[in-house]
Amino acid sequence: MARFQQAGLYLVTSQALSRGRSTEKIVRLALAGGVRLIQLREKEMPFSQLFRLAEKIRAMTKKAGALLIINDRVDLALAVKADGVHLGQDDLPVALARKIAPDLIIGASTHSLKEALAAQSAGASYVNIGPLFPTKTKKWNEKFLGIPKMAQIAARLKIPFTVMGGIKEEHIPDLARAGAQTIAVVTAVAAADNPCAAVKRLLALMRSV
């Protein structure tokens, strides 16, 4: 978790939003740019294909000294010896995941103070707070949280948190000033003309603030 908290930028993959480029290519470019925390999130990919991809991404992240988090699947995270798993509200409960995989980093997606505190009590290593802004990566019919609500939730937490949802470069100074230390993004890197350069800019912004 010390390495997790030092990462600053958290890349969440989505081949569907990578402008025709493979997740493997996006990850390779992002690692070259300096990202050291990656979540493999390919919800529509068949498991056999996802497993092969996860093995490749695990080898790449290990070589680069980066952490790999697997979305949803504790079994896959254990199978490829990933560093952690990230669970949504409809996935395996955090407390059960902690029993199955006591040594994994376990993250939880949360959309309210109630959910964030529940995940913390259940044994989550970190929570993600979001979605903050309109985003293409998540179907959302409720009000987006925004920075003030994020800050209110974060103030009640005793564990690390990440933030996600429609985050662009222009949001980072305000997010950092509000206490966000780990920014999770999809399209800001995956859909960028130059993912490597995008990572460098985002990391530089985080460090400057």
C-alpha atoms as a PDB file:
ATOM      1  CA  MET A   1       0.000   0.000   0.000  1.00  0.00           C
ATOM      2  CA  ALA A   2       2.950   2.342   0.459  1.00  0.00           C
ATOM      3  CA  ARG A   3       3.678   1.977  -3.261  1.00  0.00           C
ATOM      4  CA  PHE A   4      -0.008   2.382  -4.025  1.00  0.00           C
ATOM      5  CA  GLN A   5      -0.156   5.707  -2.173  1.00  0.00           C
ATOM      6  CA  GLN A   6       2.965   6.990  -3.915  1.00  0.00           C
ATOM      7  CA  ALA A   7       1.657   6.296  -7.435  1.00  0.00           C
ATOM      8  CA  GLY A   8      -0.342   9.507  -7.917  1.00  0.00           C
ATOM      9  CA  LEU A   9      -1.920   8.314 -11.161  1.00  0.00           C
ATOM     10  CA  TYR A  10      -4.109   5.203 -11.462  1.00  0.00           C
ATOM     11  CA  LEU A  11      -4.713   3.996 -15.024  1.00  0.00           C
ATOM     12  CA  VAL A  12      -7.893   1.964 -15.522  1.00  0.00           C
ATOM     13  CA  THR A  13      -7.943   0.165 -18.864  1.00  0.00           C
ATOM     14  CA  SER A  14     -10.732  -0.002 -21.440  1.00  0.00           C
ATOM     15  CA  GLN A  15      -9.953  -1.397 -24.847  1.00  0.00           C
ATOM     16  CA  ALA A  16     -13.349  -0.167 -26.099  1.00  0.00           C
ATOM     17  CA  LEU A  17     -12.315   3.437 -25.352  1.00  0.00           C
ATOM     18  CA  SER A  18      -8.737   3.191 -26.640  1.00  0.00           C
ATOM     19  CA  ARG A  19      -9.447   4.379 -30.184  1.00  0.00           C
ATOM     20  CA  GLY A  20      -8.763   1.036 -31.821  1.00  0.00           C
ATOM     21  CA  ARG A  21      -5.558   0.360 -29.930  1.00  0.00           C
ATOM     22  CA  SER A  22      -5.096  -2.734 -27.780  1.00  0.00           C
ATOM     23  CA  THR A  23      -5.014  -2.578 -24.010  1.00  0.00           C
ATOM     24  CA  GLU A  24      -1.578  -4.174 -24.171  1.00  0.00           C
ATOM     25  CA  LYS A  25      -0.294  -1.267 -26.279  1.00  0.00           C
ATOM     26  CA  ILE A  26      -1.898   1.366 -24.033  1.00  0.00           C
ATOM     27  CA  VAL A  27      -0.361  -0.226 -20.950  1.00  0.00           C
ATOM     28  CA  ARG A  28       3.063  -0.418 -22.581  1.00  0.00           C
ATOM     29  CA  LEU A  29       2.940   3.291 -23.492  1.00  0.00           C
ATOM     30  CA  ALA A  30       1.585   4.280 -20.078  1.00  0.00           C
ATOM     31  CA  LEU A  31       4.334   2.384 -18.276  1.00  0.00           C
ATOM     32  CA  ALA A  32       6.889   4.137 -20.465  1.00  0.00           C
ATOM     33  CA  GLY A  33       5.348   7.432 -19.379  1.00  0.00           C
ATOM     34  CA  GLY A  34       5.796   6.573 -15.721  1.00  0.00           C
ATOM     35  CA  VAL A  35       2.465   5.184 -14.521  1.00  0.00           C
ATOM     36  CA  ARG A  36       3.011   2.674 -11.715  1.00  0.00           C
ATOM     37  CA  LEU A  37      -0.545   1.686 -10.815  1.00  0.00           C
ATOM     38  CA  ILE A  38      -2.844  -0.050 -13.301  1.00  0.00           C
ATOM     39  CA  GLN A  39      -6.271  -1.633 -13.060  1.00  0.00           C
ATOM     40  CA  LEU A  40      -7.150  -4.179 -15.725  1.00  0.00           C
ATOM     41  CA  ARG A  41     -10.831  -3.516 -16.384  1.00  0.00           C
ATOM     42  CA  GLU A  42     -12.228  -5.174 -19.493  1.00  0.00           C
ATOM     43  CA  LYS A  43     -15.814  -6.016 -18.567  1.00  0.00           C
ATOM     44  CA  GLU A  44     -16.913  -7.178 -22.008  1.00  0.00           C
ATOM     45  CA  MET A  45     -13.926  -9.412 -22.753  1.00  0.00           C
ATOM     46  CA  PRO A  46     -14.454 -13.220 -22.644  1.00  0.00           C
ATOM     47  CA  PHE A  47     -12.709 -14.776 -19.668  1.00  0.00           C
ATOM     48  CA  SER A  48     -10.303 -16.913 -21.681  1.00  0.00           C
ATOM     49  CA  GLN A  49      -9.102 -13.823 -23.542  1.00  0.00           C
ATOM     50  CA  LEU A  50      -9.035 -11.767 -20.355  1.00  0.00           C
ATOM     51  CA  PHE A  51      -6.909 -14.387 -18.611  1.00  0.00           C
ATOM     52  CA  ARG A  52      -4.308 -14.367 -21.393  1.00  0.00           C
ATOM     53  CA  LEU A  53      -4.269 -10.566 -21.380  1.00  0.00           C
ATOM     54  CA  ALA A  54      -3.932 -10.463 -17.598  1.00  0.00           C
ATOM     55  CA  GLU A  55      -0.881 -12.737 -17.779  1.00  0.00           C
ATOM     56  CA  LYS A  56       0.751 -10.403 -20.307  1.00  0.00           C
ATOM     57  CA  ILE A  57      -0.093  -7.262 -18.311  1.00  0.00           C
ATOM     58  CA  ARG A  58       1.179  -8.885 -15.105  1.00  0.00           C
ATOM     59  CA  ALA A  59       4.527  -9.587 -16.759  1.00  0.00           C
ATOM     60  CA  MET A  60       4.726  -6.013 -18.071  1.00  0.00           C
ATOM     61  CA  THR A  61       3.846  -4.384 -14.754  1.00  0.00           C
ATOM     62  CA  LYS A  62       6.203  -6.634 -12.819  1.00  0.00           C
ATOM     63  CA  LYS A  63       9.089  -5.742 -15.109  1.00  0.00           C
ATOM     64  CA  ALA A  64       8.309  -2.020 -14.722  1.00  0.00           C
ATOM     65  CA  GLY A  65       7.901  -2.200 -10.955  1.00  0.00           C
ATOM     66  CA  ALA A  66       4.222  -1.251 -11.227  1.00  0.00           C
ATOM     67  CA  LEU A  67       1.231  -2.527  -9.273  1.00  0.00           C
ATOM     68  CA  LEU A  68      -1.526  -4.458 -11.044  1.00  0.00           C
ATOM     69  CA  ILE A  69      -5.108  -4.452  -9.767  1.00  0.00           C
ATOM     70  CA  ILE A  70      -7.706  -6.726 -11.389  1.00  0.00           C
ATOM     71  CA  ASN A  71     -11.267  -5.461 -11.701  1.00  0.00           C
ATOM     72  CA  ASP A  72     -14.063  -7.603 -10.200  1.00  0.00           C
ATOM     73  CA  ARG A  73     -12.361 -11.024 -10.299  1.00  0.00           C
ATOM     74  CA  VAL A  74     -10.614 -12.241  -7.149  1.00  0.00           C
ATOM     75  CA  ASP A  75      -9.959 -15.582  -8.844  1.00  0.00           C
ATOM     76  CA  LEU A  76      -8.196 -13.934 -11.758  1.00  0.00           C
ATOM     77  CA  ALA A  77      -6.159 -11.697  -9.459  1.00  0.00           C
ATOM     78  CA  LEU A  78      -4.936 -14.747  -7.555  1.00  0.00           C
ATOM     79  CA  ALA A  79      -4.350 -16.774 -10.727  1.00  0.00           C
ATOM     80  CA  VAL A  80      -1.993 -14.217 -12.291  1.00  0.00           C
ATOM     81  CA  LYS A  81      -0.475 -13.157  -8.956  1.00  0.00           C
ATOM     82  CA  ALA A  82      -1.719  -9.577  -9.276  1.00  0.00           C
ATOM     83  CA  ASP A  83      -1.224  -7.138  -6.422  1.00  0.00           C
ATOM     84  CA  GLY A  84      -4.896  -6.541  -5.803  1.00  0.00           C
ATOM     85  CA  VAL A  85      -8.528  -6.608  -6.855  1.00  0.00           C
ATOM     86  CA  HIS A  86     -11.070  -3.827  -7.222  1.00  0.00           C
ATOM     87  CA  LEU A  87     -14.697  -4.581  -6.371  1.00  0.00           C
ATOM     88  CA  GLY A  88     -17.894  -2.785  -7.318  1.00  0.00           C
ATOM     89  CA  GLN A  89     -21.045  -2.569  -5.244  1.00  0.00           C
ATOM     90  CA  ASP A  90     -22.502  -5.597  -7.071  1.00  0.00           C
ATOM     91  CA  ASP A  91     -19.376  -7.741  -6.883  1.00  0.00           C
ATOM     92  CA  LEU A  92     -18.102 -10.094  -4.191  1.00  0.00           C
ATOM     93  CA  PRO A  93     -18.429  -8.407  -0.764  1.00  0.00           C
ATOM     94  CA  VAL A  94     -15.216  -6.869   0.514  1.00  0.00           C
ATOM     95  CA  ALA A  95     -15.269  -8.881   3.755  1.00  0.00           C
ATOM     96  CA  LEU A  96     -15.529 -12.179   1.853  1.00  0.00           C
ATOM     97  CA  ALA A  97     -12.812 -11.155  -0.587  1.00  0.00           C
ATOM     98  CA  ARG A  98     -10.576 -10.353   2.387  1.00  0.00           C
ATOM     99  CA  LYS A  99     -11.124 -13.882   3.763  1.00  0.00           C
ATOM    100  CA  ILE A 100     -10.346 -15.474   0.395  1.00  0.00           C
ATOM    101  CA  ALA A 101      -7.343 -13.298  -0.387  1.00  0.00           C
ATOM    102  CA  PRO A 102      -5.995 -11.792   2.848  1.00  0.00           C
ATOM    103  CA  ASP A 103      -2.773 -10.553   1.237  1.00  0.00           C
ATOM    104  CA  LEU A 104      -4.290  -8.732  -1.730  1.00  0.00           C
ATOM    105  CA  ILE A 105      -4.863  -5.008  -1.952  1.00  0.00           C
ATOM    106  CA  ILE A 106      -8.671  -4.784  -1.996  1.00  0.00           C
ATOM    107  CA  GLY A 107     -10.328  -1.691  -3.384  1.00  0.00           C
ATOM    108  CA  ALA A 108     -14.017  -0.836  -3.438  1.00  0.00           C
ATOM    109  CA  SER A 109     -16.030   1.493  -5.657  1.00  0.00           C
ATOM    110  CA  THR A 110     -18.163   3.808  -3.530  1.00  0.00           C
ATOM    111  CA  HIS A 111     -20.630   6.513  -4.484  1.00  0.00           C
ATOM    112  CA  SER A 112     -21.619   7.916  -1.094  1.00  0.00           C
ATOM    113  CA  LEU A 113     -20.351   8.397   2.444  1.00  0.00           C
ATOM    114  CA  LYS A 114     -22.410   5.403   3.597  1.00  0.00           C
ATOM    115  CA  GLU A 115     -20.839   3.087   1.020  1.00  0.00           C
ATOM    116  CA  ALA A 116     -17.335   4.387   1.697  1.00  0.00           C
ATOM    117  CA  LEU A 117     -17.600   3.846   5.450  1.00  0.00           C
ATOM    118  CA  ALA A 118     -19.107   0.387   4.932  1.00  0.00           C
ATOM    119  CA  ALA A 119     -16.211  -0.640   2.674  1.00  0.00           C
ATOM    120  CA  GLN A 120     -13.722   0.687   5.203  1.00  0.00           C
ATOM    121  CA  SER A 121     -15.382  -1.291   8.011  1.00  0.00           C
ATOM    122  CA  ALA A 122     -15.431  -4.433   5.846  1.00  0.00           C
ATOM    123  CA  GLY A 123     -11.658  -4.369   5.444  1.00  0.00           C
ATOM    124  CA  ALA A 124     -11.038  -2.530   2.167  1.00  0.00           C
ATOM    125  CA  SER A 125      -7.461  -1.379   1.602  1.00  0.00           C
ATOM    126  CA  TYR A 126      -8.751   1.698  -0.213  1.00  0.00           C
ATOM    127  CA  VAL A 127     -11.986   3.079  -1.617  1.00  0.00           C
ATOM    128  CA  ASN A 128     -12.649   4.839  -4.872  1.00  0.00           C
ATOM    129  CA  ILE A 129     -14.920   7.884  -4.656  1.00  0.00           C
ATOM    130  CA  GLY A 130     -16.917   8.688  -7.767  1.00  0.00           C
ATOM    131  CA  PRO A 131     -18.086   9.323 -10.324  1.00  0.00           C
ATOM    132  CA  LEU A 132     -17.088  12.950  -9.862  1.00  0.00           C
ATOM    133  CA  PHE A 133     -17.927  14.306 -13.328  1.00  0.00           C
ATOM    134  CA  PRO A 134     -19.839  13.097 -16.420  1.00  0.00           C
ATOM    135  CA  THR A 135     -18.073  10.080 -17.883  1.00  0.00           C
ATOM    136  CA  LYS A 136     -18.353   7.590 -20.735  1.00  0.00           C
ATOM    137  CA  THR A 137     -17.054   4.699 -18.659  1.00  0.00           C
ATOM    138  CA  LYS A 138     -20.000   4.313 -16.294  1.00  0.00           C
ATOM    139  CA  LYS A 139     -23.768   4.405 -16.697  1.00  0.00           C
ATOM    140  CA  TRP A 140     -24.954   6.828 -14.052  1.00  0.00           C
ATOM    141  CA  ASN A 141     -28.440   8.222 -13.514  1.00  0.00           C
ATOM    142  CA  GLU A 142     -27.771  10.077 -10.281  1.00  0.00           C
ATOM    143  CA  LYS A 143     -26.063  13.367  -9.519  1.00  0.00           C
ATOM    144  CA  PHE A 144     -22.310  13.373 -10.081  1.00  0.00           C
ATOM    145  CA  LEU A 145     -20.450  13.880  -6.812  1.00  0.00           C
ATOM    146  CA  GLY A 146     -18.150  16.745  -7.743  1.00  0.00           C
ATOM    147  CA  ILE A 147     -15.207  17.945  -5.684  1.00  0.00           C
ATOM    148  CA  PRO A 148     -17.015  19.299  -2.566  1.00  0.00           C
ATOM    149  CA  LYS A 149     -18.833  15.990  -1.970  1.00  0.00           C
ATOM    150  CA  MET A 150     -15.626  14.067  -2.581  1.00  0.00           C
ATOM    151  CA  ALA A 151     -13.878  16.151   0.075  1.00  0.00           C
ATOM    152  CA  GLN A 152     -16.695  15.537   2.573  1.00  0.00           C
ATOM    153  CA  ILE A 153     -16.443  11.771   2.087  1.00  0.00           C
ATOM    154  CA  ALA A 154     -12.638  11.727   2.179  1.00  0.00           C
ATOM    155  CA  ALA A 155     -12.600  13.644   5.462  1.00  0.00           C
ATOM    156  CA  ARG A 156     -14.352  10.743   7.191  1.00  0.00           C
ATOM    157  CA  LEU A 157     -12.035   8.023   5.923  1.00  0.00           C
ATOM    158  CA  LYS A 158      -9.121   6.439   7.742  1.00  0.00           C
ATOM    159  CA  ILE A 159      -7.893   4.481   4.704  1.00  0.00           C
ATOM    160  CA  PRO A 160      -6.494   5.731   1.386  1.00  0.00           C
ATOM    161  CA  PHE A 161      -8.886   6.748  -1.375  1.00  0.00           C
ATOM    162  CA  THR A 162      -8.809   7.269  -5.105  1.00  0.00           C
ATOM    163  CA  VAL A 163     -11.098   9.459  -7.203  1.00  0.00           C
ATOM    164  CA  MET A 164     -12.553   8.755 -10.624  1.00  0.00           C
ATOM    165  CA  GLY A 165     -15.136   9.751 -13.178  1.00  0.00           C
ATOM    166  CA  GLY A 166     -14.627  12.127 -16.081  1.00  0.00           C
ATOM    167  CA  ILE A 167     -11.394  13.582 -14.696  1.00  0.00           C
ATOM    168  CA  LYS A 168      -9.468  15.782 -17.117  1.00  0.00           C
ATOM    169  CA  GLU A 169      -6.178  17.629 -16.771  1.00  0.00           C
ATOM    170  CA  GLU A 170      -7.934  20.860 -15.834  1.00  0.00           C
ATOM    171  CA  HIS A 171      -9.564  19.176 -12.804  1.00  0.00           C
ATOM    172  CA  ILE A 172      -6.335  18.008 -11.213  1.00  0.00           C
ATOM    173  CA  PRO A 173      -5.202  21.197  -9.414  1.00  0.00           C
ATOM    174  CA  ASP A 174      -8.572  21.570  -7.665  1.00  0.00           C
ATOM    175  CA  LEU A 175      -8.728  17.850  -6.856  1.00  0.00           C
ATOM    176  CA  ALA A 176      -5.243  17.885  -5.379  1.00  0.00           C
ATOM    177  CA  ARG A 177      -5.989  20.969  -3.313  1.00  0.00           C
ATOM    178  CA  ALA A 178      -9.117  19.210  -2.004  1.00  0.00           C
ATOM    179  CA  GLY A 179      -6.983  16.318  -0.745  1.00  0.00           C
ATOM    180  CA  ALA A 180      -6.990  13.824  -3.622  1.00  0.00           C
ATOM    181  CA  GLN A 181      -3.616  12.094  -3.902  1.00  0.00           C
ATOM    182  CA  THR A 182      -4.448   9.324  -6.378  1.00  0.00           C
ATOM    183  CA  ILE A 183      -6.311  10.194  -9.573  1.00  0.00           C
ATOM    184  CA  ALA A 184      -7.885   7.331 -11.536  1.00  0.00           C
ATOM    185  CA  VAL A 185      -8.446   7.876 -15.251  1.00  0.00           C
ATOM    186  CA  VAL A 186      -9.479   5.933 -18.335  1.00  0.00           C
ATOM    187  CA  THR A 187      -9.886   8.103 -21.425  1.00  0.00           C
ATOM    188  CA  ALA A 188      -7.456  10.818 -20.314  1.00  0.00           C
ATOM    189  CA  VAL A 189      -4.771   8.249 -21.159  1.00  0.00           C
ATOM    190  CA  ALA A 190      -6.411   5.480 -23.207  1.00  0.00           C
ATOM    191  CA  ALA A 191      -8.016   7.899 -25.677  1.00  0.00           C
ATOM    192  CA  ALA A 192      -5.135  10.368 -25.804  1.00  0.00           C
ATOM    193  CA  ASP A 193      -3.254  10.931 -29.063  1.00  0.00           C
ATOM    194  CA  ASN A 194      -0.064  10.056 -27.212  1.00  0.00           C
ATOM    195  CA  PRO A 195      -0.767   7.999 -24.046  1.00  0.00           C
ATOM    196  CA  CYS A 196       2.866   8.148 -22.946  1.00  0.00           C
ATOM    197  CA  ALA A 197       2.922  11.952 -23.103  1.00  0.00           C
ATOM    198  CA  ALA A 198      -0.497  12.131 -21.434  1.00  0.00           C
ATOM    199  CA  VAL A 199       0.789  10.129 -18.460  1.00  0.00           C
ATOM    200  CA  LYS A 200       3.805  12.410 -18.144  1.00  0.00           C
ATOM    201  CA  ARG A 201       1.597  15.525 -18.148  1.00  0.00           C
ATOM    202  CA  LEU A 202      -0.819  14.113 -15.570  1.00  0.00           C
ATOM    203  CA  LEU A 203       1.958  12.995 -13.249  1.00  0.00           C
ATOM    204  CA  ALA A 204       3.703  16.357 -13.568  1.00  0.00           C
ATOM    205  CA  LEU A 205       0.442  18.118 -12.682  1.00  0.00           C
ATOM    206  CA  MET A 206      -0.077  15.952  -9.603  1.00  0.00           C
ATOM    207  CA  ARG A 207       3.472  16.535  -8.424  1.00  0.00           C
ATOM    208  CA  SER A 208       3.328  20.272  -9.029  1.00  0.00           C
ATOM    209  CA  VAL A 209       0.296  20.623  -6.781  1.00  0.00           C
END
